[in-house]
Amino acid sequence: MSSQTKNLYLAALAPWILRRIELQSPAEKVFIISLDGATWDVLRPLMEQGYLPNLRAATERGLSAGLESVIPPVTASAWTSFMTGKNPSKHGIFDFTSFDLQNYRWGINTAQGIQAKTLWQILSEKSKRIVVLNLPYTYPPTAVNGVMVSGWDAPSGQTNFTYPEGIRGRILEMFPDYSSNLWVSEFLPQESEQQFQEFTARLIRGFEQGTGLASHLLESEGWDVFMIHFQQTDWIQHKLWAYIEEGCKHASQKSSRVEAARNCYRRFDELVGQLLKKVEPQHPVTIVLSDHGFGRHLGAIYPNYYLKQWGYYSVQESAGDRLKGAKDFFRESKLAPLRGMYEALAGTKNKIEKRAKSIRSQEHSSWADATTATVGQRGSQIDWTRTKIATVWAYRVAYLFVNVVGRSSQGIVQAGEEYERVVSDVITRFKEVRHPQTGEKLFLRVGRGNEIYPEAQEGIQLPDVVLIPQEGYGFSFSVSDAAPVISNEGGHRPTGVLWMEGKGLRRSVENFHPNLIDLAPTILHLLGLPVPADMDGRVLQEIFPEAQAVRYEEPDNRKVPEAKTEYTTQEAELIEQRLKGLGYVE
């Protein structure tokens, strides 16, 4: 429903309907468990094999479905969309990093970059008490009516990662190593048995600490909405996908690493079961969800390479450029053996570079010492005086910006006819790009930013071109002619999980297709509160036995002024290395 339609609906609502909804709120409390990256493709097979008895019992008594994420289906944009009920074009977080079009500078996004009110702010203003634990993009924590504990994007336990600030001392007293267990990307579990054991132990320790903190606050804090987030389900699938996939496909496979991966999930399930049982006496509406799904990573696509080949993208000259003629000879040879040799060498080169990055990230005693370069130095190889269009964000979706005169300090493309010509040509060309080995088209969708995001909030800059790959592929910011290489690691998929249970809710719904952005308006409605009319999500009418008259209210996105909190250089380097560890940034 568009914002205009919602406003018209608001004006037409009869007072007696408003009174009825206020008096018959379906829920007094909402309890939420978020399992980052969880997918039914893993959970259902492990349920059938007996490793997840608590989640299996829950799905048998409650409503479950796939949950469609946003574009792009990544932590930064997805959880922000969950918290706001809006697509990235209305809250401004498209990626882990931000990009300054004027000065060609990248920075790291934080909660202060969210250009819309969150569910937590709205609930606080409505006098609902909240507890939110470990959710990404809640750093720095904001003043709420309740408790907020930031997630892995808090630099360390030495920073103020809680509201109120005094909660931090209680957490570190209970778990002195609490913040260190919120991130594990330094491990390379496929490299050695020691790394594997340390990685899985850290995952379980982090899940146990999150559960322990949640249990403590469930007992000591009053709440109307309580959310506990677990990032460990995402990390294990990034790093151990090959073992997880094998264990899901073949119940008889009992190798030590496959069984160890299964046992991580078994422990996760035990802890989730403890929390579900703990809140039972309060009879909340209970929600388990993920921000996206998972599957095997099918390899990276390098859009800047294509732009360079088409004459739109330029870099500072290097020794590699001087060898271009020889490289072209092998790549474009009519002899299959020569082309195959080139593709093999290019693939090997990229594997070596990826391995080197991983090694460099472990050569230091701390995260802050792990790199001398920050995200802000990205793109230093680009010659903007000769670049017409470039990919500036590249992970599960690629975002391209035209270097427009006046919009950017070194812009070379004139607005109007030349801009249109560049955008149209690039879109046409990318639509025809195919996998060099299989011949299949690599892109599911290629379009202008305003086509992918039809509604945008004023002040939010949309990309000029958006590339959405076929399922399983990702993107790299680098310039490489290597073909996508299938990995043993996992990659994001657009469909996550949703499970709901509570008084007054259906236990099954046919043709149920919820979206992540639907949760915020649905939670507000469950609590008998009006829904801001500019939310992109909808109240999930299907979960109720009877049609609901939803109340809407005029949006108020005025945020309480806060002191600007920025990462120090050391903290920015720390967060960058965390993101690099899972391939989120390069």
Protein backbone atom coordinates (compact mmCIF):
# COMPACT_ATOMS: atom_id res chain seq x y z
CA MET A 1 0.00 0.00 0.00
CA SER A 2 1.44 3.38 -0.97
CA SER A 3 1.85 6.18 1.56
CA GLN A 4 -0.85 8.22 -0.21
CA THR A 5 -3.34 5.36 -0.04
CA LYS A 6 -2.59 4.83 3.65
CA ASN A 7 -3.21 8.50 4.37
CA LEU A 8 -6.56 8.37 2.58
CA TYR A 9 -7.43 5.26 4.51
CA LEU A 10 -6.49 6.98 7.77
CA ALA A 11 -8.80 9.90 7.03
CA ALA A 12 -11.70 7.57 6.26
CA LEU A 13 -11.46 5.34 9.34
CA ALA A 14 -14.56 5.44 11.53
CA PRO A 15 -14.05 6.28 15.23
CA TRP A 16 -15.86 3.12 16.36
CA ILE A 17 -13.32 0.97 14.47
CA LEU A 18 -10.46 2.81 16.17
CA ARG A 19 -11.98 2.20 19.58
CA ARG A 20 -12.51 -1.49 18.83
CA ILE A 21 -8.89 -2.03 17.85
CA GLU A 22 -7.62 -0.16 20.91
CA LEU A 23 -9.73 -2.31 23.24
CA GLN A 24 -8.97 -5.66 21.57
CA SER A 25 -5.19 -5.68 21.22
CA PRO A 26 -4.23 -9.29 20.38
CA ALA A 27 -1.03 -9.23 22.45
CA GLU A 28 0.38 -7.66 25.58
CA LYS A 29 3.95 -8.79 24.96
CA VAL A 30 6.08 -9.75 21.96
CA PHE A 31 9.21 -11.91 22.33
CA ILE A 32 11.59 -12.10 19.36
CA ILE A 33 14.56 -14.38 18.65
CA SER A 34 16.56 -13.52 15.54
CA LEU A 35 18.85 -16.16 14.03
CA ASP A 36 20.95 -14.28 11.50
CA GLY A 37 20.99 -15.97 8.08
CA ALA A 38 18.91 -18.97 9.20
CA THR A 39 17.38 -20.95 6.35
CA TRP A 40 14.81 -23.72 6.21
CA ASP A 41 17.20 -25.50 3.80
CA VAL A 42 19.32 -26.24 6.88
CA LEU A 43 16.81 -26.21 9.72
CA ARG A 44 14.29 -28.64 8.22
CA PRO A 45 16.81 -31.42 7.39
CA LEU A 46 18.39 -31.11 10.83
CA MET A 47 14.93 -31.22 12.43
CA GLU A 48 14.21 -34.46 10.57
CA GLN A 49 17.54 -35.89 11.70
CA GLY A 50 16.69 -35.14 15.35
CA TYR A 51 19.22 -32.39 16.02
CA LEU A 52 16.68 -29.58 16.55
CA PRO A 53 13.87 -30.98 18.74
CA ASN A 54 12.88 -27.60 20.19
CA LEU A 55 12.57 -25.82 16.85
CA ARG A 56 10.77 -28.82 15.41
CA ALA A 57 8.22 -28.79 18.22
CA ALA A 58 7.79 -25.05 17.74
CA THR A 59 7.07 -25.38 14.02
CA GLU A 60 4.50 -28.08 14.72
CA ARG A 61 2.49 -25.84 17.04
CA GLY A 62 3.02 -22.45 15.35
CA LEU A 63 2.97 -20.74 11.98
CA SER A 64 6.10 -20.99 9.82
CA ALA A 65 7.03 -19.65 6.39
CA GLY A 66 9.85 -18.36 4.28
CA LEU A 67 10.61 -14.68 4.89
CA GLU A 68 11.61 -12.57 1.90
CA SER A 69 14.46 -10.17 2.59
CA VAL A 70 15.13 -6.77 1.03
CA ILE A 71 17.47 -5.66 -1.75
CA PRO A 72 20.25 -6.27 -0.89
CA PRO A 73 19.81 -9.29 1.43
CA VAL A 74 22.70 -8.41 3.77
CA THR A 75 22.92 -7.69 7.49
CA ALA A 76 23.29 -3.91 7.27
CA SER A 77 20.33 -3.16 5.04
CA ALA A 78 18.14 -6.07 6.13
CA TRP A 79 18.12 -5.53 9.90
CA THR A 80 17.71 -1.79 9.37
CA SER A 81 14.69 -2.56 7.18
CA PHE A 82 13.33 -4.87 9.88
CA MET A 83 13.71 -2.09 12.46
CA THR A 84 12.07 0.59 10.29
CA GLY A 85 9.55 -1.35 8.20
CA LYS A 86 11.09 0.36 5.18
CA ASN A 87 13.23 -0.46 2.17
CA PRO A 88 16.79 0.92 2.06
CA SER A 89 15.66 3.79 -0.17
CA LYS A 90 13.72 5.15 2.80
CA HIS A 91 16.21 4.56 5.60
CA GLY A 92 19.49 5.14 3.73
CA ILE A 93 21.50 2.01 4.71
CA PHE A 94 22.26 0.14 1.49
CA ASP A 95 25.50 -1.49 2.58
CA PHE A 96 28.01 -1.83 5.40
CA THR A 97 29.74 1.24 4.00
CA SER A 98 28.64 4.70 2.91
CA PHE A 99 29.90 6.55 -0.17
CA ASP A 100 30.38 10.30 -0.54
CA LEU A 101 29.64 11.09 -4.19
CA GLN A 102 31.20 14.54 -3.95
CA ASN A 103 34.60 13.48 -2.64
CA TYR A 104 34.72 9.76 -3.60
CA ARG A 105 35.16 8.64 -0.01
CA TRP A 106 33.91 5.52 1.68
CA GLY A 107 33.04 5.30 5.36
CA ILE A 108 31.56 2.71 7.72
CA ASN A 109 27.85 2.91 8.41
CA THR A 110 26.49 3.02 11.96
CA ALA A 111 23.04 3.37 13.48
CA GLN A 112 23.45 7.14 13.25
CA GLY A 113 23.17 6.85 9.48
CA ILE A 114 19.61 5.50 9.69
CA GLN A 115 17.35 8.21 8.28
CA ALA A 116 14.09 6.93 9.73
CA LYS A 117 12.65 6.14 13.13
CA THR A 118 13.19 2.59 14.29
CA LEU A 119 10.67 0.28 15.89
CA TRP A 120 12.50 0.81 19.20
CA GLN A 121 12.09 4.59 19.03
CA ILE A 122 8.42 4.31 18.09
CA LEU A 123 7.67 1.83 20.88
CA SER A 124 9.52 3.98 23.41
CA GLU A 125 7.51 7.04 22.39
CA LYS A 126 4.33 5.00 22.87
CA SER A 127 5.42 4.15 26.44
CA LYS A 128 6.20 0.54 25.63
CA ARG A 129 9.22 -0.87 27.44
CA ILE A 130 11.76 -2.66 25.28
CA VAL A 131 14.86 -4.84 25.66
CA VAL A 132 17.00 -5.29 22.54
CA LEU A 133 20.15 -7.41 22.72
CA ASN A 134 23.03 -7.82 20.24
CA LEU A 135 21.15 -6.60 17.17
CA PRO A 136 23.45 -5.15 14.47
CA TYR A 137 23.06 -1.47 13.60
CA THR A 138 22.09 -0.44 17.09
CA TYR A 139 25.54 1.07 17.72
CA PRO A 140 25.90 3.61 19.11
CA PRO A 141 22.97 2.71 21.37
CA THR A 142 20.17 5.25 21.56
CA ALA A 143 18.13 6.35 24.54
CA VAL A 144 15.10 4.07 24.73
CA ASN A 145 12.42 3.20 27.23
CA GLY A 146 14.25 0.12 28.44
CA VAL A 147 17.57 -1.56 27.60
CA MET A 148 19.64 -1.67 24.42
CA VAL A 149 22.84 -3.70 23.99
CA SER A 150 24.59 -3.16 20.66
CA GLY A 151 25.77 -6.03 18.46
CA TRP A 152 29.05 -6.87 16.74
CA ASP A 153 29.35 -3.41 15.18
CA ALA A 154 30.28 -2.05 18.62
CA PRO A 155 34.08 -1.81 18.41
CA SER A 156 34.83 -3.43 21.79
CA GLY A 157 33.77 -3.86 25.38
CA GLN A 158 35.75 -0.75 26.21
CA THR A 159 33.29 1.47 24.34
CA ASN A 160 29.83 2.44 25.54
CA PHE A 161 27.78 -0.29 23.84
CA THR A 162 24.74 -0.24 26.12
CA TYR A 163 21.85 1.97 27.16
CA PRO A 164 21.68 2.74 29.97
CA GLU A 165 25.46 2.83 30.28
CA GLY A 166 25.40 1.04 33.63
CA ILE A 167 24.21 -2.18 31.96
CA ARG A 168 27.67 -2.52 30.40
CA GLY A 169 29.29 -3.12 33.80
CA ARG A 170 26.74 -5.78 34.69
CA ILE A 171 27.39 -7.60 31.42
CA LEU A 172 31.18 -7.58 31.75
CA GLU A 173 30.90 -8.71 35.36
CA MET A 174 28.87 -11.71 34.24
CA PHE A 175 30.91 -12.36 31.08
CA PRO A 176 34.33 -10.62 31.07
CA ASP A 177 34.99 -11.78 27.48
CA TYR A 178 31.49 -10.88 26.26
CA SER A 179 32.46 -8.57 23.40
CA SER A 180 35.20 -10.87 22.08
CA ASN A 181 32.59 -13.57 21.48
CA LEU A 182 30.51 -11.26 19.30
CA TRP A 183 32.91 -11.71 16.38
CA VAL A 184 34.82 -14.70 14.97
CA SER A 185 35.92 -13.78 11.46
CA GLU A 186 39.62 -14.06 12.30
CA PHE A 187 39.30 -17.84 12.31
CA LEU A 188 40.00 -19.96 9.21
CA PRO A 189 38.33 -23.21 10.31
CA GLN A 190 38.96 -25.03 7.05
CA GLU A 191 42.72 -24.48 7.34
CA SER A 192 43.49 -26.60 10.42
CA GLU A 193 41.85 -28.74 13.07
CA GLN A 194 42.89 -26.27 15.77
CA GLN A 195 41.25 -23.39 13.91
CA PHE A 196 38.13 -25.51 13.40
CA GLN A 197 37.86 -26.43 17.08
CA GLU A 198 38.47 -22.87 18.28
CA PHE A 199 35.94 -21.51 15.80
CA THR A 200 33.12 -23.87 16.82
CA ALA A 201 33.90 -23.39 20.52
CA ARG A 202 33.71 -19.60 20.10
CA LEU A 203 30.37 -19.90 18.29
CA ILE A 204 28.86 -21.94 21.09
CA ARG A 205 30.37 -19.70 23.78
CA GLY A 206 28.87 -16.61 22.13
CA PHE A 207 25.42 -18.22 21.82
CA GLU A 208 25.57 -19.30 25.47
CA GLN A 209 26.52 -15.82 26.63
CA GLY A 210 23.71 -14.23 24.63
CA THR A 211 21.26 -16.70 26.13
CA GLY A 212 22.64 -16.07 29.62
CA LEU A 213 22.29 -12.31 29.25
CA ALA A 214 18.76 -12.65 27.86
CA SER A 215 17.76 -14.92 30.74
CA HIS A 216 19.18 -12.46 33.28
CA LEU A 217 17.31 -9.49 31.78
CA LEU A 218 14.09 -11.46 31.38
CA GLU A 219 14.18 -11.89 35.14
CA SER A 220 15.38 -8.42 36.11
CA GLU A 221 13.73 -6.08 33.59
CA GLY A 222 10.12 -5.33 32.78
CA TRP A 223 9.31 -5.46 29.06
CA ASP A 224 6.61 -5.25 26.44
CA VAL A 225 8.88 -6.20 23.54
CA PHE A 226 12.04 -8.26 24.06
CA MET A 227 14.47 -9.17 21.24
CA ILE A 228 17.62 -11.29 21.44
CA HIS A 229 19.79 -11.59 18.34
CA PHE A 230 22.22 -14.41 17.51
CA GLN A 231 24.79 -13.76 14.78
CA GLN A 232 26.39 -17.20 15.18
CA THR A 233 23.98 -18.86 12.73
CA ASP A 234 25.31 -16.55 10.01
CA TRP A 235 28.99 -17.06 10.83
CA ILE A 236 28.83 -20.85 10.90
CA GLN A 237 27.18 -20.90 7.48
CA HIS A 238 29.72 -18.53 5.97
CA LYS A 239 32.68 -20.57 7.21
CA LEU A 240 31.43 -24.18 7.35
CA TRP A 241 28.88 -24.38 4.56
CA ALA A 242 30.45 -27.40 2.87
CA TYR A 243 30.09 -29.49 6.05
CA ILE A 244 26.59 -28.18 6.78
CA GLU A 245 25.44 -28.92 3.24
CA GLU A 246 26.87 -32.44 3.41
CA GLY A 247 25.22 -33.06 6.76
CA CYS A 248 21.84 -31.86 5.52
CA LYS A 249 21.91 -33.88 2.32
CA HIS A 250 23.21 -37.12 3.81
CA ALA A 251 21.89 -38.15 7.22
CA SER A 252 24.31 -41.09 7.28
CA GLN A 253 27.36 -38.84 6.93
CA LYS A 254 29.07 -38.89 10.33
CA SER A 255 32.52 -37.46 9.64
CA SER A 256 33.96 -35.53 12.57
CA ARG A 257 33.57 -32.07 11.03
CA VAL A 258 30.09 -32.71 9.67
CA GLU A 259 29.00 -33.99 13.06
CA ALA A 260 30.68 -31.06 14.80
CA ALA A 261 28.70 -28.64 12.63
CA ARG A 262 25.48 -30.50 13.42
CA ASN A 263 26.30 -30.39 17.12
CA CYS A 264 26.68 -26.61 16.99
CA TYR A 265 23.10 -26.44 15.74
CA ARG A 266 22.05 -28.94 18.41
CA ARG A 267 23.44 -26.63 21.09
CA PHE A 268 21.85 -23.58 19.45
CA ASP A 269 18.52 -25.41 19.54
CA GLU A 270 18.90 -26.28 23.23
CA LEU A 271 19.51 -22.64 24.09
CA VAL A 272 16.61 -21.39 21.96
CA GLY A 273 14.44 -23.98 23.70
CA GLN A 274 15.49 -22.61 27.10
CA LEU A 275 14.44 -19.09 26.14
CA LEU A 276 11.12 -20.20 24.66
CA LYS A 277 10.34 -22.12 27.84
CA LYS A 278 11.37 -19.20 30.04
CA VAL A 279 8.87 -16.80 28.47
CA GLU A 280 5.98 -19.29 28.32
CA PRO A 281 4.38 -18.12 31.62
CA GLN A 282 4.00 -14.60 30.20
CA HIS A 283 2.15 -15.85 27.10
CA PRO A 284 3.75 -13.46 24.58
CA VAL A 285 3.40 -13.56 20.86
CA THR A 286 6.70 -15.24 20.00
CA ILE A 287 8.58 -14.66 16.76
CA VAL A 288 11.68 -16.42 15.41
CA LEU A 289 13.08 -14.93 12.22
CA SER A 290 16.15 -14.37 10.08
CA ASP A 291 17.18 -11.48 7.87
CA HIS A 292 18.09 -13.61 4.84
CA GLY A 293 18.78 -17.21 3.90
CA PHE A 294 21.91 -19.10 2.85
CA GLY A 295 23.33 -21.41 0.22
CA ARG A 296 26.64 -22.27 -1.38
CA HIS A 297 28.56 -19.27 -2.69
CA LEU A 298 28.86 -19.70 -6.47
CA GLY A 299 31.58 -17.11 -6.93
CA ALA A 300 32.17 -13.41 -7.48
CA ILE A 301 31.34 -11.25 -10.48
CA TYR A 302 33.56 -8.25 -11.21
CA PRO A 303 31.42 -5.47 -12.75
CA ASN A 304 34.27 -2.94 -12.73
CA TYR A 305 36.20 -5.26 -15.02
CA TYR A 306 33.39 -5.09 -17.60
CA LEU A 307 33.11 -1.31 -17.22
CA LYS A 308 36.84 -1.05 -17.84
CA GLN A 309 36.58 -3.23 -20.96
CA TRP A 310 33.77 -1.02 -22.27
CA GLY A 311 35.79 2.14 -21.75
CA TYR A 312 33.80 3.55 -18.84
CA TYR A 313 36.17 2.83 -15.95
CA SER A 314 39.84 3.77 -15.64
CA VAL A 315 42.55 2.99 -13.11
CA GLN A 316 46.02 4.30 -12.49
CA GLU A 317 48.48 2.53 -14.78
CA SER A 318 50.30 -0.45 -13.26
CA ALA A 319 52.64 -3.18 -14.39
CA GLY A 320 49.58 -5.34 -15.05
CA ASP A 321 48.28 -2.85 -17.59
CA ARG A 322 51.55 -3.06 -19.52
CA LEU A 323 50.97 -6.81 -19.89
CA LYS A 324 47.44 -6.31 -21.23
CA GLY A 325 48.38 -7.34 -24.77
CA ALA A 326 49.72 -10.70 -23.66
CA LYS A 327 46.73 -11.28 -21.40
CA ASP A 328 44.31 -10.49 -24.22
CA PHE A 329 46.15 -12.90 -26.51
CA PHE A 330 45.55 -15.84 -24.18
CA ARG A 331 42.03 -14.82 -23.11
CA GLU A 332 40.73 -14.24 -26.66
CA SER A 333 42.63 -17.07 -28.36
CA LYS A 334 40.67 -19.31 -30.71
CA LEU A 335 42.52 -22.26 -29.21
CA ALA A 336 40.61 -23.74 -26.28
CA PRO A 337 43.78 -24.91 -24.43
CA LEU A 338 45.16 -21.34 -24.38
CA ARG A 339 41.87 -19.91 -23.16
CA GLY A 340 41.67 -22.62 -20.51
CA MET A 341 45.22 -21.87 -19.39
CA TYR A 342 44.35 -18.20 -19.00
CA GLU A 343 41.17 -18.91 -17.01
CA ALA A 344 43.02 -21.32 -14.71
CA LEU A 345 45.82 -18.84 -14.05
CA ALA A 346 43.36 -15.99 -13.46
CA GLY A 347 41.41 -18.12 -10.99
CA THR A 348 44.59 -19.15 -9.18
CA LYS A 349 45.72 -15.53 -8.94
CA ASN A 350 42.44 -14.54 -7.28
CA LYS A 351 42.62 -17.44 -4.82
CA ILE A 352 46.17 -16.43 -3.85
CA GLU A 353 45.10 -12.82 -3.34
CA LYS A 354 42.13 -13.89 -1.19
CA ARG A 355 44.36 -16.17 0.90
CA ALA A 356 46.92 -13.41 1.32
CA LYS A 357 44.24 -11.06 2.66
CA SER A 358 43.18 -13.69 5.20
CA ILE A 359 46.76 -14.24 6.36
CA ARG A 360 47.41 -10.51 6.69
CA SER A 361 44.34 -10.16 8.91
CA GLN A 362 45.87 -12.60 11.42
CA GLU A 363 49.40 -11.23 11.60
CA HIS A 364 48.54 -8.76 14.35
CA SER A 365 47.85 -9.00 18.04
CA SER A 366 44.59 -7.07 17.90
CA TRP A 367 41.87 -6.08 15.47
CA ALA A 368 43.00 -2.47 15.60
CA ASP A 369 46.53 -3.43 14.55
CA ALA A 370 45.32 -5.76 11.81
CA THR A 371 45.33 -3.23 9.01
CA THR A 372 46.97 0.07 8.21
CA ALA A 373 44.36 1.01 5.65
CA THR A 374 40.74 1.91 6.37
CA VAL A 375 37.65 1.70 4.22
CA GLY A 376 38.20 5.37 3.43
CA GLN A 377 41.19 4.47 1.25
CA ARG A 378 39.17 2.19 -0.98
CA GLY A 379 39.12 3.22 -4.62
CA SER A 380 42.50 4.93 -4.53
CA GLN A 381 43.41 3.12 -7.74
CA ILE A 382 40.51 4.68 -9.66
CA ASP A 383 41.33 7.52 -12.04
CA TRP A 384 38.15 9.54 -11.59
CA THR A 385 39.23 12.08 -14.21
CA ARG A 386 38.73 9.35 -16.83
CA THR A 387 35.99 7.25 -15.19
CA LYS A 388 32.40 7.75 -16.32
CA ILE A 389 30.72 5.15 -14.13
CA ALA A 390 31.96 2.86 -11.35
CA THR A 391 30.76 0.17 -8.98
CA VAL A 392 31.07 1.65 -5.49
CA TRP A 393 29.21 -0.98 -3.43
CA ALA A 394 29.61 -4.65 -4.26
CA TYR A 395 28.58 -7.63 -2.16
CA ARG A 396 25.27 -9.42 -2.87
CA VAL A 397 24.07 -6.56 -5.07
CA ALA A 398 26.22 -4.11 -7.06
CA TYR A 399 25.52 -0.38 -7.05
CA LEU A 400 26.90 1.82 -9.81
CA PHE A 401 27.16 5.60 -9.80
CA VAL A 402 27.76 7.87 -12.79
CA ASN A 403 30.55 10.44 -12.35
CA VAL A 404 28.34 13.46 -13.07
CA VAL A 405 29.64 17.00 -13.51
CA GLY A 406 28.56 19.11 -10.52
CA ARG A 407 27.51 16.13 -8.42
CA SER A 408 31.09 14.91 -7.98
CA SER A 409 34.25 16.96 -7.62
CA GLN A 410 35.88 15.37 -10.68
CA GLY A 411 32.73 14.61 -12.64
CA ILE A 412 33.13 14.16 -16.41
CA VAL A 413 29.63 13.10 -17.53
CA GLN A 414 27.18 15.89 -18.32
CA ALA A 415 23.71 15.61 -16.83
CA GLY A 416 20.96 15.04 -19.34
CA GLU A 417 21.61 13.41 -22.69
CA GLU A 418 25.12 12.10 -21.96
CA TYR A 419 24.05 10.72 -18.59
CA GLU A 420 21.10 8.93 -20.16
CA ARG A 421 23.31 7.49 -22.88
CA VAL A 422 25.81 6.10 -20.36
CA VAL A 423 23.15 4.56 -18.11
CA SER A 424 21.16 3.03 -20.97
CA ASP A 425 24.24 1.54 -22.63
CA VAL A 426 25.59 0.06 -19.40
CA ILE A 427 22.22 -1.52 -18.54
CA THR A 428 21.89 -3.00 -22.03
CA ARG A 429 25.39 -4.45 -21.90
CA PHE A 430 25.10 -5.96 -18.42
CA LYS A 431 21.83 -7.65 -19.32
CA GLU A 432 23.77 -9.71 -21.86
CA VAL A 433 26.77 -10.64 -19.70
CA ARG A 434 27.12 -14.41 -19.47
CA HIS A 435 29.15 -16.87 -17.45
CA PRO A 436 32.32 -17.46 -19.50
CA GLN A 437 32.15 -21.22 -18.92
CA THR A 438 28.44 -22.13 -18.81
CA GLY A 439 27.06 -19.43 -21.11
CA GLU A 440 24.24 -18.67 -18.66
CA LYS A 441 23.24 -15.07 -18.01
CA LEU A 442 24.80 -13.85 -14.77
CA PHE A 443 22.20 -11.25 -13.83
CA LEU A 444 18.68 -11.82 -12.59
CA ARG A 445 17.84 -8.15 -12.90
CA VAL A 446 19.56 -5.01 -14.16
CA GLY A 447 17.89 -1.65 -13.80
CA ARG A 448 18.03 1.97 -12.79
CA GLY A 449 18.04 2.76 -9.11
CA ASN A 450 14.58 4.33 -9.27
CA GLU A 451 13.24 1.18 -10.94
CA ILE A 452 14.56 -1.12 -8.23
CA TYR A 453 13.50 1.37 -5.52
CA PRO A 454 10.36 3.15 -6.80
CA GLU A 455 9.90 5.15 -3.59
CA ALA A 456 12.75 7.06 -1.98
CA GLN A 457 12.93 9.43 0.96
CA GLU A 458 14.08 12.94 0.25
CA GLY A 459 17.81 13.32 0.78
CA ILE A 460 18.68 9.68 0.10
CA GLN A 461 20.81 9.25 -3.02
CA LEU A 462 19.81 6.25 -5.11
CA PRO A 463 22.41 4.44 -7.22
CA ASP A 464 22.20 5.11 -10.93
CA VAL A 465 22.36 1.43 -11.89
CA VAL A 466 21.68 -1.68 -9.79
CA LEU A 467 22.91 -5.19 -10.67
CA ILE A 468 21.17 -8.16 -9.04
CA PRO A 469 22.90 -11.48 -9.76
CA GLN A 470 21.44 -14.90 -10.31
CA GLU A 471 20.94 -16.64 -6.97
CA GLY A 472 24.17 -17.75 -5.35
CA TYR A 473 26.53 -15.25 -6.95
CA GLY A 474 28.09 -12.22 -5.32
CA PHE A 475 30.13 -9.23 -6.43
CA SER A 476 33.61 -7.89 -5.96
CA PHE A 477 34.78 -4.31 -6.13
CA SER A 478 38.06 -5.47 -7.71
CA VAL A 479 38.94 -5.42 -11.40
CA SER A 480 39.46 -9.03 -12.47
CA ASP A 481 38.67 -11.09 -15.52
CA ALA A 482 38.46 -14.35 -13.58
CA ALA A 483 35.31 -16.44 -13.98
CA PRO A 484 33.17 -16.95 -10.84
CA VAL A 485 34.57 -19.84 -8.81
CA ILE A 486 32.33 -22.02 -6.65
CA SER A 487 33.39 -21.82 -3.01
CA ASN A 488 33.20 -24.15 -0.02
CA GLU A 489 31.83 -21.22 1.94
CA GLY A 490 28.24 -20.09 2.16
CA GLY A 491 26.63 -17.03 0.65
CA HIS A 492 23.41 -15.14 1.23
CA ARG A 493 20.06 -16.03 -0.31
CA PRO A 494 17.00 -13.75 -0.35
CA THR A 495 14.65 -16.02 1.64
CA GLY A 496 15.02 -16.38 5.39
CA VAL A 497 12.76 -17.98 8.01
CA LEU A 498 9.75 -16.87 10.02
CA TRP A 499 7.95 -18.67 12.84
CA MET A 500 5.18 -17.13 14.94
CA GLU A 501 3.07 -18.38 17.83
CA GLY A 502 0.63 -16.68 20.15
CA LYS A 503 -2.91 -16.33 21.36
CA GLY A 504 -5.20 -15.20 18.60
CA LEU A 505 -2.88 -16.22 15.75
CA ARG A 506 -3.44 -18.88 13.13
CA ARG A 507 -1.27 -22.00 13.20
CA SER A 508 -1.16 -22.37 9.42
CA VAL A 509 -1.82 -20.16 6.40
CA GLU A 510 -1.94 -21.17 2.76
CA ASN A 511 0.01 -19.14 0.21
CA PHE A 512 1.66 -17.11 2.95
CA HIS A 513 4.48 -14.91 1.61
CA PRO A 514 5.65 -12.45 4.29
CA ASN A 515 8.43 -9.92 3.80
CA LEU A 516 11.00 -8.79 6.35
CA ILE A 517 9.65 -5.23 6.21
CA ASP A 518 6.22 -6.53 7.28
CA LEU A 519 7.38 -7.36 10.81
CA ALA A 520 7.59 -3.81 12.21
CA PRO A 521 4.02 -2.81 11.24
CA THR A 522 2.74 -6.21 12.34
CA ILE A 523 4.39 -5.91 15.77
CA LEU A 524 2.92 -2.44 16.24
CA HIS A 525 -0.52 -3.73 15.31
CA LEU A 526 -0.17 -6.73 17.62
CA LEU A 527 0.37 -4.30 20.47
CA GLY A 528 -2.66 -2.23 19.51
CA LEU A 529 -0.60 0.68 18.19
CA PRO A 530 -1.01 2.67 14.96
CA VAL A 531 1.34 2.07 12.04
CA PRO A 532 3.25 5.01 10.49
CA ALA A 533 1.72 5.53 7.06
CA ASP A 534 5.08 5.72 5.28
CA MET A 535 6.22 2.21 6.22
CA ASP A 536 6.72 0.03 3.14
CA GLY A 537 5.74 -3.11 5.00
CA ARG A 538 2.18 -4.21 5.70
CA VAL A 539 0.39 -5.76 8.65
CA LEU A 540 0.29 -9.52 8.04
CA GLN A 541 -3.47 -9.88 7.93
CA GLU A 542 -3.22 -13.61 7.11
CA ILE A 543 -1.99 -14.53 10.59
CA PHE A 544 -5.27 -13.44 12.20
CA PRO A 545 -8.46 -15.51 12.14
CA GLU A 546 -10.48 -12.41 11.22
CA ALA A 547 -9.76 -9.38 9.06
CA GLN A 548 -8.09 -6.57 10.96
CA ALA A 549 -8.86 -2.87 10.76
CA VAL A 550 -5.37 -1.42 10.84
CA ARG A 551 -4.84 2.04 12.29
CA TYR A 552 -2.38 4.32 10.53
CA GLU A 553 -0.87 7.58 11.69
CA GLU A 554 0.96 10.40 10.03
CA PRO A 555 4.68 9.60 9.91
CA ASP A 556 7.00 11.51 12.21
CA ASN A 557 10.61 10.85 11.30
CA ARG A 558 12.02 13.58 13.47
CA LYS A 559 14.77 11.94 15.49
CA VAL A 560 15.88 13.20 18.87
CA PRO A 561 19.14 15.14 18.34
CA GLU A 562 22.12 13.13 19.56
CA ALA A 563 25.79 13.84 19.97
CA LYS A 564 27.53 12.57 16.86
CA THR A 565 29.50 9.41 17.58
CA GLU A 566 32.09 8.41 15.04
CA TYR A 567 34.50 5.50 15.01
CA THR A 568 38.06 6.45 15.83
CA THR A 569 40.64 5.46 13.19
CA GLN A 570 41.52 2.40 15.27
CA GLU A 571 37.88 1.43 15.69
CA ALA A 572 37.18 1.90 11.99
CA GLU A 573 40.08 -0.40 11.16
CA LEU A 574 38.76 -2.95 13.64
CA ILE A 575 35.26 -2.95 12.15
CA GLU A 576 36.68 -3.05 8.62
CA GLN A 577 38.70 -6.17 9.44
CA ARG A 578 35.62 -7.82 10.90
CA LEU A 579 33.73 -7.14 7.67
CA LYS A 580 36.65 -8.35 5.56
CA GLY A 581 36.78 -11.60 7.52
CA LEU A 582 33.44 -12.66 6.04
CA GLY A 583 33.95 -11.03 2.64
CA TYR A 584 31.51 -8.19 3.33
CA VAL A 585 34.05 -5.60 2.20
CA GLU A 586 37.36 -5.81 0.36
